[in-house]
Protein backbone atom coordinates (compact mmCIF):
# COMPACT_ATOMS: atom_id res chain seq x y z
CA MET A 1 -6.82 20.31 12.56
CA LYS A 2 -9.94 18.92 10.91
CA GLN A 3 -12.42 20.37 8.48
CA LEU A 4 -15.98 19.39 7.59
CA LEU A 5 -16.16 18.27 3.97
CA THR A 6 -18.92 17.20 1.65
CA LEU A 7 -17.81 15.09 -1.30
CA LYS A 8 -19.88 13.45 -4.02
CA ILE A 9 -18.25 10.12 -4.75
CA ASN A 10 -19.76 7.55 -7.09
CA ASP A 11 -23.06 9.44 -7.02
CA GLU A 12 -23.23 9.33 -3.21
CA LYS A 13 -22.88 12.33 -0.96
CA HIS A 14 -20.43 11.93 1.94
CA GLU A 15 -20.14 14.47 4.75
CA PHE A 16 -17.37 13.97 7.29
CA TRP A 17 -14.62 15.59 9.27
CA VAL A 18 -11.15 15.10 7.85
CA SER A 19 -7.62 16.15 8.76
CA ILE A 20 -6.68 18.99 6.42
CA HIS A 21 -3.33 17.43 5.53
CA LYS A 22 -4.82 14.21 4.10
CA THR A 23 -4.82 13.68 0.36
CA LEU A 24 -7.91 12.57 -1.52
CA LEU A 25 -6.27 9.15 -1.86
CA GLU A 26 -5.92 8.83 1.91
CA VAL A 27 -9.49 9.99 2.51
CA LEU A 28 -10.88 7.53 -0.05
CA ARG A 29 -8.98 4.56 1.37
CA GLU A 30 -8.74 5.31 5.09
CA ASP A 31 -11.87 7.31 5.88
CA LEU A 32 -14.37 6.05 3.29
CA HIS A 33 -12.93 2.51 2.90
CA LEU A 34 -12.95 2.74 -0.91
CA THR A 35 -9.79 0.69 -1.24
CA GLY A 36 -9.96 0.03 -4.99
CA THR A 37 -7.92 3.18 -5.60
CA LYS A 38 -4.34 2.11 -4.93
CA HIS A 39 -1.44 3.66 -3.07
CA GLY A 40 1.47 3.59 -5.47
CA CYS A 41 4.31 6.04 -5.48
CA GLU A 42 2.41 8.86 -3.73
CA LEU A 43 4.45 11.23 -5.94
CA GLY A 44 2.17 11.41 -8.97
CA GLU A 45 4.39 9.23 -11.12
CA CYS A 46 2.68 5.83 -11.35
CA GLY A 47 -1.05 6.45 -11.97
CA ALA A 48 -2.24 3.73 -9.56
CA CYS A 49 -4.34 6.27 -7.67
CA THR A 50 -6.18 7.70 -10.69
CA VAL A 51 -9.79 8.70 -10.14
CA LEU A 52 -12.11 10.76 -12.31
CA ILE A 53 -13.01 14.25 -11.21
CA ASN A 54 -15.70 15.77 -13.40
CA GLY A 55 -14.75 13.10 -15.94
CA GLU A 56 -11.04 13.93 -16.03
CA PRO A 57 -8.38 11.49 -14.81
CA ILE A 58 -6.70 12.97 -11.73
CA LEU A 59 -4.00 11.54 -9.46
CA SER A 60 -5.68 11.39 -6.07
CA CYS A 61 -2.33 11.32 -4.25
CA LEU A 62 -1.66 14.89 -5.41
CA ILE A 63 -4.95 16.57 -4.58
CA LEU A 64 -6.55 17.63 -1.33
CA PRO A 65 -10.20 16.77 -0.74
CA ILE A 66 -11.08 20.42 -0.11
CA GLU A 67 -10.12 21.12 -3.74
CA VAL A 68 -12.78 18.77 -5.10
CA GLN A 69 -15.80 19.74 -3.02
CA GLY A 70 -18.79 20.21 -5.31
CA LYS A 71 -17.24 18.09 -8.05
CA GLU A 72 -18.19 14.64 -9.29
CA ILE A 73 -15.65 12.06 -8.10
CA MET A 74 -15.66 8.55 -9.53
CA THR A 75 -13.49 5.77 -8.18
CA ILE A 76 -13.06 2.27 -9.56
CA GLU A 77 -15.91 1.17 -7.27
CA GLY A 78 -18.24 3.42 -9.28
CA LEU A 79 -17.20 2.11 -12.69
CA ALA A 80 -19.64 -0.79 -12.74
CA HIS A 81 -23.14 0.50 -13.11
CA SER A 82 -26.35 -0.70 -11.56
CA GLU A 83 -29.22 -1.84 -13.68
CA LYS A 84 -32.16 0.55 -13.53
CA HIS A 85 -34.55 -2.12 -12.26
CA GLY A 86 -32.58 -4.26 -9.94
CA THR A 87 -29.74 -4.51 -7.51
CA ASP A 88 -27.36 -6.47 -9.72
CA CYS A 89 -24.26 -4.61 -10.73
CA LYS A 90 -23.13 -4.97 -14.32
CA PRO A 91 -19.44 -4.59 -15.21
CA HIS A 92 -18.40 -1.73 -17.43
CA PRO A 93 -17.32 -2.86 -20.94
CA LEU A 94 -13.75 -1.93 -20.00
CA GLN A 95 -13.83 -4.30 -17.03
CA THR A 96 -15.16 -7.08 -19.23
CA ALA A 97 -12.54 -6.42 -21.91
CA PHE A 98 -9.68 -6.33 -19.37
CA ALA A 99 -10.80 -9.72 -18.05
CA GLN A 100 -11.26 -11.25 -21.50
CA GLN A 101 -7.95 -9.95 -22.85
CA GLY A 102 -5.93 -10.89 -19.76
CA ALA A 103 -4.94 -7.23 -19.45
CA SER A 104 -4.47 -7.52 -15.72
CA GLN A 105 -1.84 -9.70 -14.16
CA CYS A 106 -1.03 -8.62 -10.63
CA GLY A 107 -3.90 -6.13 -10.89
CA TYR A 108 -2.29 -3.32 -8.94
CA CYS A 109 -2.33 -0.84 -11.83
CA SER A 110 -5.75 -1.92 -13.09
CA PRO A 111 -7.93 0.57 -11.19
CA GLY A 112 -5.88 3.51 -12.45
CA MET A 113 -5.68 2.07 -15.97
CA LEU A 114 -9.43 1.48 -16.08
CA MET A 115 -10.27 4.98 -14.87
CA THR A 116 -7.87 6.56 -17.35
CA ALA A 117 -9.29 4.41 -20.16
CA LYS A 118 -12.84 5.37 -19.19
CA ALA A 119 -11.99 9.06 -19.46
CA LEU A 120 -10.45 8.39 -22.87
CA LEU A 121 -13.46 6.46 -24.19
CA ASP A 122 -15.83 9.09 -22.85
CA LYS A 123 -14.04 11.64 -25.08
CA TYR A 124 -13.17 9.42 -28.06
CA SER A 125 -15.50 6.55 -28.82
CA ASN A 126 -13.01 4.79 -31.10
CA PRO A 127 -9.46 5.90 -30.30
CA ASP A 128 -6.54 4.59 -32.32
CA ARG A 129 -3.62 2.80 -30.67
CA GLU A 130 -1.50 5.94 -30.52
CA ARG A 131 -4.22 7.86 -28.67
CA ILE A 132 -4.66 4.94 -26.25
CA ARG A 133 -0.90 4.77 -25.64
CA GLU A 134 -0.80 8.52 -25.03
CA ALA A 135 -3.76 8.39 -22.64
CA ILE A 136 -2.30 5.61 -20.49
CA SER A 137 1.27 6.92 -20.64
CA GLY A 138 1.00 8.16 -17.04
CA ASN A 139 -0.03 4.73 -15.76
CA ILE A 140 2.80 2.35 -15.02
CA CYS A 141 2.32 -1.40 -15.39
CA ARG A 142 5.20 -3.67 -14.48
CA CYS A 143 3.55 -6.93 -15.54
CA THR A 144 1.81 -6.82 -18.91
CA GLY A 145 3.96 -4.87 -21.33
CA TYR A 146 0.84 -2.81 -22.24
CA ALA A 147 -0.12 -4.74 -25.40
CA LYS A 148 -3.06 -6.52 -23.77
CA ILE A 149 -4.16 -3.31 -22.03
CA ILE A 150 -4.28 -1.50 -25.37
CA GLU A 151 -6.16 -4.44 -26.93
CA ALA A 152 -8.66 -4.37 -24.06
CA VAL A 153 -9.35 -0.66 -24.54
CA GLU A 154 -9.82 -1.29 -28.27
CA GLN A 155 -12.19 -4.18 -27.52
CA ALA A 156 -14.24 -2.05 -25.12
CA ALA A 157 -14.49 0.72 -27.70
CA LYS A 158 -15.72 -1.74 -30.34
CA SER A 159 -18.05 -3.65 -28.00
CA ASN A 160 -20.53 -0.85 -27.92
CA THR A 161 -20.79 2.26 -30.02
CA LYS A 162 -22.00 4.17 -26.99
CA LEU A 163 -20.42 3.10 -23.74
CA PRO A 164 -22.58 3.57 -20.66
CA GLN A 165 -22.10 6.93 -19.03
CA HIS A 166 -21.96 7.21 -15.27
CA THR A 167 -24.87 9.36 -14.10
């Protein structure tokens, strides 16, 4: 059985028919081809599928698309922002910091980590290490040991007193 849905993802409206049993993660990847959000455990334990819904980090493997109609959905593809007068896309300070700090090794956890960190920095412009650790505690990384990830979030917070907001 399929249902007509309208979702606002990365400031773009998408209207399409979708099987009612599909998760938001499956719809993003399979139907909309937004493959930056990763399949991980599909049990809500790893954080690889984290997206922002109305600015809050949500595990897309645990939510149905019908539950988020009318809400703002941001995926990793929407993190970089476009310049107001041009077509060039500029990386978010978190993306720059992750690259500069070497906070991504295999990169599989990075989309979820970045989205979780964005939600944190949107609420707390200069979080301490404990708050950063707490925020990313639901995101599993098997490569880095977290130190460089924490340093990257700190760098992004310090790089600009007001991080760009997604509009």
